Amino acid sequence: MATFELYRRSSIGMCLTETLDEMVSSGTLSPELAIQVLMQFDKSMTEALETQVKSKVSIKGHLHTYRFCDNVWTFILQDAVFKSEDCHDQVKRVKIVACDSKLLTQ
């Protein structure tokens, strides 16, 4: 299964990368093993989102910027409202990165 490195820029991905960098710097972990951990993180996040997330959310807001490059859409919304069955949240600014899931199976 192919994966994207999209989730490395999430909060948990940044924390993992920072921790791995510290471990490599201190000699606790080899750089090769750190790369393997990041690749496994990419695969695990992709698989978990495909198989375990069943919720649907609608998003409304002012579309500030959009971009399509290398089969990846990037949207920046201002004053976005997220609505689900049990939740209603408003966010000042949000960046959404979306890619075609068909590319993951190639």
PDB file of N, CA and C in Angstrom:
ATOM      1  N   MET A   1       0.839  -1.183   0.000  1.00  0.00           N
ATOM      2  CA  MET A   1       0.000   0.000   0.000  1.00  0.00           C
ATOM      3  C   MET A   1       0.881   1.242   0.000  1.00  0.00           C
ATOM      4  N   ALA A   2       0.629   2.131  -0.920  1.00  0.00           N
ATOM      5  CA  ALA A   2       1.350   3.404  -0.949  1.00  0.00           C
ATOM      6  C   ALA A   2       0.752   4.338   0.095  1.00  0.00           C
ATOM      7  N   THR A   3       1.532   5.253   0.587  1.00  0.00           N
ATOM      8  CA  THR A   3       1.025   6.214   1.570  1.00  0.00           C
ATOM      9  C   THR A   3       1.547   7.602   1.241  1.00  0.00           C
ATOM     10  N   PHE A   4       0.869   8.584   1.789  1.00  0.00           N
ATOM     11  CA  PHE A   4       1.324   9.956   1.694  1.00  0.00           C
ATOM     12  C   PHE A   4       1.913  10.349   3.041  1.00  0.00           C
ATOM     13  N   GLU A   5       2.717  11.356   3.052  1.00  0.00           N
ATOM     14  CA  GLU A   5       3.310  11.837   4.289  1.00  0.00           C
ATOM     15  C   GLU A   5       2.491  12.984   4.876  1.00  0.00           C
ATOM     16  N   LEU A   6       1.202  13.029   4.560  1.00  0.00           N
ATOM     17  CA  LEU A   6       0.341  14.121   5.001  1.00  0.00           C
ATOM     18  C   LEU A   6       0.221  14.222   6.515  1.00  0.00           C
ATOM     19  N   TYR A   7       0.177  13.106   7.171  1.00  0.00           N
ATOM     20  CA  TYR A   7      -0.111  13.090   8.607  1.00  0.00           C
ATOM     21  C   TYR A   7       1.084  13.476   9.458  1.00  0.00           C
ATOM     22  N   ARG A   8       2.248  13.582   8.875  1.00  0.00           N
ATOM     23  CA  ARG A   8       3.429  14.002   9.628  1.00  0.00           C
ATOM     24  C   ARG A   8       3.343  15.458  10.048  1.00  0.00           C
ATOM     25  N   ARG A   9       2.508  16.254   9.376  1.00  0.00           N
ATOM     26  CA  ARG A   9       2.350  17.660   9.733  1.00  0.00           C
ATOM     27  C   ARG A   9       1.217  17.878  10.731  1.00  0.00           C
ATOM     28  N   SER A  10       0.561  16.780  11.148  1.00  0.00           N
ATOM     29  CA  SER A  10      -0.461  16.882  12.192  1.00  0.00           C
ATOM     30  C   SER A  10       0.240  17.036  13.539  1.00  0.00           C
ATOM     31  N   SER A  11      -0.512  17.344  14.574  1.00  0.00           N
ATOM     32  CA  SER A  11       0.083  17.519  15.910  1.00  0.00           C
ATOM     33  C   SER A  11       0.818  16.264  16.357  1.00  0.00           C
ATOM     34  N   ILE A  12       0.179  15.112  16.202  1.00  0.00           N
ATOM     35  CA  ILE A  12       0.810  13.867  16.644  1.00  0.00           C
ATOM     36  C   ILE A  12       2.018  13.525  15.771  1.00  0.00           C
ATOM     37  N   GLY A  13       1.942  13.822  14.479  1.00  0.00           N
ATOM     38  CA  GLY A  13       3.072  13.569  13.585  1.00  0.00           C
ATOM     39  C   GLY A  13       4.265  14.453  13.903  1.00  0.00           C
ATOM     40  N   MET A  14       3.998  15.726  14.214  1.00  0.00           N
ATOM     41  CA  MET A  14       5.087  16.646  14.581  1.00  0.00           C
ATOM     42  C   MET A  14       5.740  16.211  15.890  1.00  0.00           C
ATOM     43  N   CYS A  15       4.927  15.780  16.861  1.00  0.00           N
ATOM     44  CA  CYS A  15       5.485  15.311  18.136  1.00  0.00           C
ATOM     45  C   CYS A  15       6.333  14.054  17.935  1.00  0.00           C
ATOM     46  N   LEU A  16       5.838  13.145  17.102  1.00  0.00           N
ATOM     47  CA  LEU A  16       6.607  11.931  16.817  1.00  0.00           C
ATOM     48  C   LEU A  16       7.935  12.282  16.154  1.00  0.00           C
ATOM     49  N   THR A  17       7.901  13.153  15.158  1.00  0.00           N
ATOM     50  CA  THR A  17       9.124  13.555  14.458  1.00  0.00           C
ATOM     51  C   THR A  17      10.112  14.220  15.411  1.00  0.00           C
ATOM     52  N   GLU A  18       9.608  15.091  16.270  1.00  0.00           N
ATOM     53  CA  GLU A  18      10.468  15.773  17.245  1.00  0.00           C
ATOM     54  C   GLU A  18      11.107  14.776  18.209  1.00  0.00           C
ATOM     55  N   THR A  19      10.321  13.833  18.679  1.00  0.00           N
ATOM     56  CA  THR A  19      10.845  12.812  19.603  1.00  0.00           C
ATOM     57  C   THR A  19      11.884  11.939  18.922  1.00  0.00           C
ATOM     58  N   LEU A  20      11.611  11.530  17.687  1.00  0.00           N
ATOM     59  CA  LEU A  20      12.580  10.711  16.956  1.00  0.00           C
ATOM     60  C   LEU A  20      13.875  11.480  16.711  1.00  0.00           C
ATOM     61  N   ASP A  21      13.768  12.778  16.386  1.00  0.00           N
ATOM     62  CA  ASP A  21      14.962  13.610  16.201  1.00  0.00           C
ATOM     63  C   ASP A  21      15.800  13.660  17.474  1.00  0.00           C
ATOM     64  N   GLU A  22      15.136  13.812  18.616  1.00  0.00           N
ATOM     65  CA  GLU A  22      15.858  13.842  19.893  1.00  0.00           C
ATOM     66  C   GLU A  22      16.546  12.508  20.167  1.00  0.00           C
ATOM     67  N   MET A  23      15.842  11.414  19.858  1.00  0.00           N
ATOM     68  CA  MET A  23      16.427  10.090  20.094  1.00  0.00           C
ATOM     69  C   MET A  23      17.614   9.824  19.181  1.00  0.00           C
ATOM     70  N   VAL A  24      17.534  10.287  17.933  1.00  0.00           N
ATOM     71  CA  VAL A  24      18.661  10.125  17.004  1.00  0.00           C
ATOM     72  C   VAL A  24      19.835  10.980  17.466  1.00  0.00           C
ATOM     73  N   SER A  25      19.549  12.223  17.900  1.00  0.00           N
ATOM     74  CA  SER A  25      20.614  13.127  18.365  1.00  0.00           C
ATOM     75  C   SER A  25      21.335  12.583  19.582  1.00  0.00           C
ATOM     76  N   SER A  26      20.583  11.936  20.475  1.00  0.00           N
ATOM     77  CA  SER A  26      21.199  11.399  21.697  1.00  0.00           C
ATOM     78  C   SER A  26      21.839  10.034  21.475  1.00  0.00           C
ATOM     79  N   GLY A  27      21.668   9.459  20.286  1.00  0.00           N
ATOM     80  CA  GLY A  27      22.271   8.164  19.992  1.00  0.00           C
ATOM     81  C   GLY A  27      21.433   6.991  20.451  1.00  0.00           C
ATOM     82  N   THR A  28      20.227   7.238  20.941  1.00  0.00           N
ATOM     83  CA  THR A  28      19.340   6.170  21.402  1.00  0.00           C
ATOM     84  C   THR A  28      18.769   5.373  20.245  1.00  0.00           C
ATOM     85  N   LEU A  29      18.635   6.022  19.101  1.00  0.00           N
ATOM     86  CA  LEU A  29      17.991   5.413  17.944  1.00  0.00           C
ATOM     87  C   LEU A  29      18.808   5.726  16.695  1.00  0.00           C
ATOM     88  N   SER A  30      18.891   4.753  15.799  1.00  0.00           N
ATOM     89  CA  SER A  30      19.614   5.007  14.541  1.00  0.00           C
ATOM     90  C   SER A  30      18.716   5.776  13.580  1.00  0.00           C
ATOM     91  N   PRO A  31      19.310   6.569  12.696  1.00  0.00           N
ATOM     92  CA  PRO A  31      18.506   7.316  11.713  1.00  0.00           C
ATOM     93  C   PRO A  31      17.655   6.395  10.821  1.00  0.00           C
ATOM     94  N   GLU A  32      18.191   5.231  10.499  1.00  0.00           N
ATOM     95  CA  GLU A  32      17.458   4.286   9.658  1.00  0.00           C
ATOM     96  C   GLU A  32      16.196   3.794  10.353  1.00  0.00           C
ATOM     97  N   LEU A  33      16.307   3.499  11.646  1.00  0.00           N
ATOM     98  CA  LEU A  33      15.149   3.033  12.405  1.00  0.00           C
ATOM     99  C   LEU A  33      14.122   4.153  12.563  1.00  0.00           C
ATOM    100  N   ALA A  34      14.579   5.372  12.727  1.00  0.00           N
ATOM    101  CA  ALA A  34      13.661   6.517  12.828  1.00  0.00           C
ATOM    102  C   ALA A  34      12.862   6.672  11.539  1.00  0.00           C
ATOM    103  N   ILE A  35      13.495   6.485  10.398  1.00  0.00           N
ATOM    104  CA  ILE A  35      12.794   6.568   9.116  1.00  0.00           C
ATOM    105  C   ILE A  35      11.771   5.454   8.993  1.00  0.00           C
ATOM    106  N   GLN A  36      12.126   4.262   9.454  1.00  0.00           N
ATOM    107  CA  GLN A  36      11.176   3.143   9.423  1.00  0.00           C
ATOM    108  C   GLN A  36       9.962   3.436  10.305  1.00  0.00           C
ATOM    109  N   VAL A  37      10.191   4.056  11.462  1.00  0.00           N
ATOM    110  CA  VAL A  37       9.087   4.408  12.359  1.00  0.00           C
ATOM    111  C   VAL A  37       8.159   5.408  11.670  1.00  0.00           C
ATOM    112  N   LEU A  38       8.716   6.413  11.006  1.00  0.00           N
ATOM    113  CA  LEU A  38       7.893   7.402  10.293  1.00  0.00           C
ATOM    114  C   LEU A  38       7.104   6.758   9.150  1.00  0.00           C
ATOM    115  N   MET A  39       7.712   5.844   8.432  1.00  0.00           N
ATOM    116  CA  MET A  39       7.001   5.157   7.354  1.00  0.00           C
ATOM    117  C   MET A  39       5.860   4.311   7.906  1.00  0.00           C
ATOM    118  N   GLN A  40       6.084   3.658   9.047  1.00  0.00           N
ATOM    119  CA  GLN A  40       5.024   2.869   9.677  1.00  0.00           C
ATOM    120  C   GLN A  40       3.914   3.786  10.178  1.00  0.00           C
ATOM    121  N   PHE A  41       4.272   4.956  10.694  1.00  0.00           N
ATOM    122  CA  PHE A  41       3.285   5.940  11.131  1.00  0.00           C
ATOM    123  C   PHE A  41       2.379   6.339   9.961  1.00  0.00           C
ATOM    124  N   ASP A  42       2.980   6.611   8.791  1.00  0.00           N
ATOM    125  CA  ASP A  42       2.202   6.967   7.594  1.00  0.00           C
ATOM    126  C   ASP A  42       1.209   5.862   7.251  1.00  0.00           C
ATOM    127  N   LYS A  43       1.679   4.621   7.238  1.00  0.00           N
ATOM    128  CA  LYS A  43       0.812   3.480   6.911  1.00  0.00           C
ATOM    129  C   LYS A  43      -0.293   3.309   7.940  1.00  0.00           C
ATOM    130  N   SER A  44       0.055   3.407   9.211  1.00  0.00           N
ATOM    131  CA  SER A  44      -0.929   3.203  10.280  1.00  0.00           C
ATOM    132  C   SER A  44      -2.003   4.278  10.283  1.00  0.00           C
ATOM    133  N   MET A  45      -1.619   5.532  10.067  1.00  0.00           N
ATOM    134  CA  MET A  45      -2.599   6.615  10.033  1.00  0.00           C
ATOM    135  C   MET A  45      -3.557   6.430   8.847  1.00  0.00           C
ATOM    136  N   THR A  46      -3.020   6.093   7.695  1.00  0.00           N
ATOM    137  CA  THR A  46      -3.856   5.876   6.521  1.00  0.00           C
ATOM    138  C   THR A  46      -4.842   4.746   6.760  1.00  0.00           C
ATOM    139  N   GLU A  47      -4.348   3.639   7.287  1.00  0.00           N
ATOM    140  CA  GLU A  47      -5.205   2.473   7.549  1.00  0.00           C
ATOM    141  C   GLU A  47      -6.267   2.779   8.606  1.00  0.00           C
ATOM    142  N   ALA A  48      -5.880   3.461   9.674  1.00  0.00           N
ATOM    143  CA  ALA A  48      -6.827   3.778  10.742  1.00  0.00           C
ATOM    144  C   ALA A  48      -7.939   4.691  10.239  1.00  0.00           C
ATOM    145  N   LEU A  49      -7.597   5.682   9.444  1.00  0.00           N
ATOM    146  CA  LEU A  49      -8.620   6.587   8.925  1.00  0.00           C
ATOM    147  C   LEU A  49      -9.545   5.896   7.926  1.00  0.00           C
ATOM    148  N   GLU A  50      -9.010   4.937   7.181  1.00  0.00           N
ATOM    149  CA  GLU A  50      -9.840   4.201   6.228  1.00  0.00           C
ATOM    150  C   GLU A  50     -10.797   3.238   6.916  1.00  0.00           C
ATOM    151  N   THR A  51     -10.352   2.590   7.972  1.00  0.00           N
ATOM    152  CA  THR A  51     -11.124   1.491   8.554  1.00  0.00           C
ATOM    153  C   THR A  51     -11.876   1.839   9.830  1.00  0.00           C
ATOM    154  N   GLN A  52     -11.422   2.829  10.593  1.00  0.00           N
ATOM    155  CA  GLN A  52     -12.005   3.062  11.901  1.00  0.00           C
ATOM    156  C   GLN A  52     -12.861   4.318  12.016  1.00  0.00           C
ATOM    157  N   VAL A  53     -12.703   5.266  11.120  1.00  0.00           N
ATOM    158  CA  VAL A  53     -13.455   6.506  11.221  1.00  0.00           C
ATOM    159  C   VAL A  53     -14.741   6.373  10.405  1.00  0.00           C
ATOM    160  N   LYS A  54     -15.870   6.493  11.087  1.00  0.00           N
ATOM    161  CA  LYS A  54     -17.166   6.357  10.424  1.00  0.00           C
ATOM    162  C   LYS A  54     -17.972   7.656  10.461  1.00  0.00           C
ATOM    163  N   SER A  55     -17.489   8.669  11.152  1.00  0.00           N
ATOM    164  CA  SER A  55     -18.210   9.931  11.312  1.00  0.00           C
ATOM    165  C   SER A  55     -18.209  10.734  10.024  1.00  0.00           C
ATOM    166  N   LYS A  56     -19.249  11.538   9.876  1.00  0.00           N
ATOM    167  CA  LYS A  56     -19.326  12.467   8.759  1.00  0.00           C
ATOM    168  C   LYS A  56     -19.449  13.866   9.324  1.00  0.00           C
ATOM    169  N   VAL A  57     -18.769  14.799   8.675  1.00  0.00           N
ATOM    170  CA  VAL A  57     -18.756  16.185   9.121  1.00  0.00           C
ATOM    171  C   VAL A  57     -19.033  17.076   7.917  1.00  0.00           C
ATOM    172  N   SER A  58     -19.839  18.104   8.119  1.00  0.00           N
ATOM    173  CA  SER A  58     -20.011  19.100   7.065  1.00  0.00           C
ATOM    174  C   SER A  58     -19.229  20.343   7.469  1.00  0.00           C
ATOM    175  N   ILE A  59     -18.659  21.010   6.472  1.00  0.00           N
ATOM    176  CA  ILE A  59     -17.829  22.182   6.719  1.00  0.00           C
ATOM    177  C   ILE A  59     -18.340  23.324   5.861  1.00  0.00           C
ATOM    178  N   LYS A  60     -18.545  24.471   6.479  1.00  0.00           N
ATOM    179  CA  LYS A  60     -18.929  25.679   5.749  1.00  0.00           C
ATOM    180  C   LYS A  60     -18.022  26.802   6.201  1.00  0.00           C
ATOM    181  N   GLY A  61     -17.649  27.652   5.275  1.00  0.00           N
ATOM    182  CA  GLY A  61     -16.804  28.786   5.609  1.00  0.00           C
ATOM    183  C   GLY A  61     -16.452  29.580   4.369  1.00  0.00           C
ATOM    184  N   HIS A  62     -15.699  30.632   4.560  1.00  0.00           N
ATOM    185  CA  HIS A  62     -15.239  31.470   3.450  1.00  0.00           C
ATOM    186  C   HIS A  62     -13.980  30.845   2.869  1.00  0.00           C
ATOM    187  N   LEU A  63     -14.016  30.497   1.587  1.00  0.00           N
ATOM    188  CA  LEU A  63     -12.865  29.906   0.917  1.00  0.00           C
ATOM    189  C   LEU A  63     -11.863  31.013   0.598  1.00  0.00           C
ATOM    190  N   HIS A  64     -10.778  31.023   1.344  1.00  0.00           N
ATOM    191  CA  HIS A  64      -9.739  32.047   1.174  1.00  0.00           C
ATOM    192  C   HIS A  64      -8.819  31.698   0.020  1.00  0.00           C
ATOM    193  N   THR A  65      -8.338  30.440  -0.025  1.00  0.00           N
ATOM    194  CA  THR A  65      -7.395  30.001  -1.043  1.00  0.00           C
ATOM    195  C   THR A  65      -7.651  28.534  -1.359  1.00  0.00           C
ATOM    196  N   TYR A  66      -7.474  28.155  -2.621  1.00  0.00           N
ATOM    197  CA  TYR A  66      -7.492  26.744  -2.981  1.00  0.00           C
ATOM    198  C   TYR A  66      -6.405  26.488  -4.015  1.00  0.00           C
ATOM    199  N   ARG A  67      -5.923  25.240  -4.020  1.00  0.00           N
ATOM    200  CA  ARG A  67      -4.803  24.888  -4.896  1.00  0.00           C
ATOM    201  C   ARG A  67      -4.910  23.403  -5.231  1.00  0.00           C
ATOM    202  N   PHE A  68      -4.575  23.027  -6.461  1.00  0.00           N
ATOM    203  CA  PHE A  68      -4.514  21.633  -6.877  1.00  0.00           C
ATOM    204  C   PHE A  68      -3.156  21.407  -7.516  1.00  0.00           C
ATOM    205  N   CYS A  69      -2.338  20.591  -6.882  1.00  0.00           N
ATOM    206  CA  CYS A  69      -0.990  20.334  -7.371  1.00  0.00           C
ATOM    207  C   CYS A  69      -0.617  18.887  -7.074  1.00  0.00           C
ATOM    208  N   ASP A  70      -0.127  18.175  -8.058  1.00  0.00           N
ATOM    209  CA  ASP A  70       0.294  16.778  -7.902  1.00  0.00           C
ATOM    210  C   ASP A  70      -0.816  15.908  -7.304  1.00  0.00           C
ATOM    211  N   ASN A  71      -2.040  16.084  -7.793  1.00  0.00           N
ATOM    212  CA  ASN A  71      -3.203  15.317  -7.345  1.00  0.00           C
ATOM    213  C   ASN A  71      -3.556  15.530  -5.882  1.00  0.00           C
ATOM    214  N   VAL A  72      -3.153  16.664  -5.334  1.00  0.00           N
ATOM    215  CA  VAL A  72      -3.477  16.996  -3.941  1.00  0.00           C
ATOM    216  C   VAL A  72      -4.170  18.354  -3.911  1.00  0.00           C
ATOM    217  N   TRP A  73      -5.345  18.391  -3.295  1.00  0.00           N
ATOM    218  CA  TRP A  73      -6.080  19.638  -3.107  1.00  0.00           C
ATOM    219  C   TRP A  73      -5.708  20.248  -1.775  1.00  0.00           C
ATOM    220  N   THR A  74      -5.527  21.557  -1.747  1.00  0.00           N
ATOM    221  CA  THR A  74      -5.305  22.296  -0.505  1.00  0.00           C
ATOM    222  C   THR A  74      -6.318  23.435  -0.462  1.00  0.00           C
ATOM    223  N   PHE A  75      -7.073  23.488   0.634  1.00  0.00           N
ATOM    224  CA  PHE A  75      -8.069  24.532   0.833  1.00  0.00           C
ATOM    225  C   PHE A  75      -7.746  25.273   2.122  1.00  0.00           C
ATOM    226  N   ILE A  76      -7.839  26.580   2.090  1.00  0.00           N
ATOM    227  CA  ILE A  76      -7.723  27.376   3.309  1.00  0.00           C
ATOM    228  C   ILE A  76      -9.051  28.095   3.490  1.00  0.00           C
ATOM    229  N   LEU A  77      -9.722  27.805   4.606  1.00  0.00           N
ATOM    230  CA  LEU A  77     -11.021  28.387   4.917  1.00  0.00           C
ATOM    231  C   LEU A  77     -10.900  29.335   6.092  1.00  0.00           C
ATOM    232  N   GLN A  78     -11.669  30.409   6.043  1.00  0.00           N
ATOM    233  CA  GLN A  78     -11.742  31.336   7.173  1.00  0.00           C
ATOM    234  C   GLN A  78     -13.147  31.253   7.759  1.00  0.00           C
ATOM    235  N   ASP A  79     -13.232  31.427   9.074  1.00  0.00           N
ATOM    236  CA  ASP A  79     -14.508  31.366   9.787  1.00  0.00           C
ATOM    237  C   ASP A  79     -15.279  30.105   9.421  1.00  0.00           C
ATOM    238  N   ALA A  80     -14.602  28.974   9.505  1.00  0.00           N
ATOM    239  CA  ALA A  80     -15.197  27.689   9.145  1.00  0.00           C
ATOM    240  C   ALA A  80     -16.051  27.155  10.287  1.00  0.00           C
ATOM    241  N   VAL A  81     -17.162  26.533   9.918  1.00  0.00           N
ATOM    242  CA  VAL A  81     -18.052  25.898  10.885  1.00  0.00           C
ATOM    243  C   VAL A  81     -18.089  24.407  10.570  1.00  0.00           C
ATOM    244  N   PHE A  82     -17.722  23.590  11.564  1.00  0.00           N
ATOM    245  CA  PHE A  82     -17.751  22.141  11.447  1.00  0.00           C
ATOM    246  C   PHE A  82     -18.989  21.630  12.159  1.00  0.00           C
ATOM    247  N   LYS A  83     -19.808  20.842  11.455  1.00  0.00           N
ATOM    248  CA  LYS A  83     -21.020  20.280  12.054  1.00  0.00           C
ATOM    249  C   LYS A  83     -21.014  18.775  11.890  1.00  0.00           C
ATOM    250  N   SER A  84     -21.268  18.086  12.989  1.00  0.00           N
ATOM    251  CA  SER A  84     -21.474  16.644  12.952  1.00  0.00           C
ATOM    252  C   SER A  84     -22.758  16.358  13.711  1.00  0.00           C
ATOM    253  N   GLU A  85     -23.065  15.088  13.901  1.00  0.00           N
ATOM    254  CA  GLU A  85     -24.303  14.716  14.596  1.00  0.00           C
ATOM    255  C   GLU A  85     -24.385  15.310  15.993  1.00  0.00           C
ATOM    256  N   ASP A  86     -23.280  15.320  16.699  1.00  0.00           N
ATOM    257  CA  ASP A  86     -23.314  15.731  18.105  1.00  0.00           C
ATOM    258  C   ASP A  86     -22.426  16.937  18.425  1.00  0.00           C
ATOM    259  N   CYS A  87     -21.898  17.594  17.403  1.00  0.00           N
ATOM    260  CA  CYS A  87     -20.935  18.666  17.670  1.00  0.00           C
ATOM    261  C   CYS A  87     -21.104  19.805  16.658  1.00  0.00           C
ATOM    262  N   HIS A  88     -20.793  21.003  17.111  1.00  0.00           N
ATOM    263  CA  HIS A  88     -20.867  22.189  16.258  1.00  0.00           C
ATOM    264  C   HIS A  88     -19.730  23.108  16.710  1.00  0.00           C
ATOM    265  N   ASP A  89     -18.682  23.241  15.901  1.00  0.00           N
ATOM    266  CA  ASP A  89     -17.524  24.054  16.271  1.00  0.00           C
ATOM    267  C   ASP A  89     -17.209  25.065  15.191  1.00  0.00           C
ATOM    268  N   GLN A  90     -16.743  26.234  15.623  1.00  0.00           N
ATOM    269  CA  GLN A  90     -16.324  27.265  14.684  1.00  0.00           C
ATOM    270  C   GLN A  90     -14.823  27.501  14.855  1.00  0.00           C
ATOM    271  N   VAL A  91     -14.138  27.634  13.732  1.00  0.00           N
ATOM    272  CA  VAL A  91     -12.691  27.825  13.720  1.00  0.00           C
ATOM    273  C   VAL A  91     -12.382  29.064  12.884  1.00  0.00           C
ATOM    274  N   LYS A  92     -11.472  29.888  13.367  1.00  0.00           N
ATOM    275  CA  LYS A  92     -11.105  31.132  12.669  1.00  0.00           C
ATOM    276  C   LYS A  92     -10.476  30.844  11.303  1.00  0.00           C
ATOM    277  N   ARG A  93      -9.544  29.891  11.265  1.00  0.00           N
ATOM    278  CA  ARG A  93      -8.824  29.575  10.023  1.00  0.00           C
ATOM    279  C   ARG A  93      -8.448  28.097  10.046  1.00  0.00           C
ATOM    280  N   VAL A  94      -8.660  27.415   8.927  1.00  0.00           N
ATOM    281  CA  VAL A  94      -8.325  25.993   8.849  1.00  0.00           C
ATOM    282  C   VAL A  94      -7.743  25.680   7.468  1.00  0.00           C
ATOM    283  N   LYS A  95      -6.789  24.762   7.475  1.00  0.00           N
ATOM    284  CA  LYS A  95      -6.184  24.297   6.225  1.00  0.00           C
ATOM    285  C   LYS A  95      -6.585  22.835   6.047  1.00  0.00           C
ATOM    286  N   ILE A  96      -7.149  22.536   4.895  1.00  0.00           N
ATOM    287  CA  ILE A  96      -7.568  21.168   4.593  1.00  0.00           C
ATOM    288  C   ILE A  96      -6.738  20.678   3.418  1.00  0.00           C
ATOM    289  N   VAL A  97      -6.101  19.521   3.593  1.00  0.00           N
ATOM    290  CA  VAL A  97      -5.318  18.909   2.531  1.00  0.00           C
ATOM    291  C   VAL A  97      -5.997  17.588   2.198  1.00  0.00           C
ATOM    292  N   ALA A  98      -6.345  17.407   0.934  1.00  0.00           N
ATOM    293  CA  ALA A  98      -7.077  16.197   0.509  1.00  0.00           C
ATOM    294  C   ALA A  98      -6.413  15.602  -0.717  1.00  0.00           C
ATOM    295  N   CYS A  99      -6.361  14.282  -0.726  1.00  0.00           N
ATOM    296  CA  CYS A  99      -5.783  13.599  -1.876  1.00  0.00           C
ATOM    297  C   CYS A  99      -6.727  12.475  -2.307  1.00  0.00           C
ATOM    298  N   ASP A 100      -6.567  12.014  -3.518  1.00  0.00           N
ATOM    299  CA  ASP A 100      -7.396  10.959  -4.079  1.00  0.00           C
ATOM    300  C   ASP A 100      -7.001   9.630  -3.451  1.00  0.00           C
ATOM    301  N   SER A 101      -7.934   8.970  -2.797  1.00  0.00           N
ATOM    302  CA  SER A 101      -7.626   7.697  -2.133  1.00  0.00           C
ATOM    303  C   SER A 101      -7.254   6.614  -3.131  1.00  0.00           C
ATOM    304  N   LYS A 102      -7.651   6.771  -4.384  1.00  0.00           N
ATOM    305  CA  LYS A 102      -7.284   5.793  -5.406  1.00  0.00           C
ATOM    306  C   LYS A 102      -5.770   5.752  -5.605  1.00  0.00           C
ATOM    307  N   LEU A 103      -5.099   6.859  -5.332  1.00  0.00           N
ATOM    308  CA  LEU A 103      -3.645   6.896  -5.485  1.00  0.00           C
ATOM    309  C   LEU A 103      -2.947   6.030  -4.453  1.00  0.00           C
ATOM    310  N   LEU A 104      -3.622   5.753  -3.344  1.00  0.00           N
ATOM    311  CA  LEU A 104      -3.027   4.940  -2.288  1.00  0.00           C
ATOM    312  C   LEU A 104      -2.986   3.464  -2.668  1.00  0.00           C
ATOM    313  N   THR A 105      -3.802   3.039  -3.593  1.00  0.00           N
ATOM    314  CA  THR A 105      -3.858   1.625  -3.947  1.00  0.00           C
ATOM    315  C   THR A 105      -2.986   1.290  -5.157  1.00  0.00           C
ATOM    316  N   GLN A 106      -2.326   2.277  -5.704  1.00  0.00           N
ATOM    317  CA  GLN A 106      -1.479   2.036  -6.881  1.00  0.00           C
ATOM    318  C   GLN A 106      -0.126   1.518  -6.484  1.00  0.00           C
TER     319      GLN A 106
END
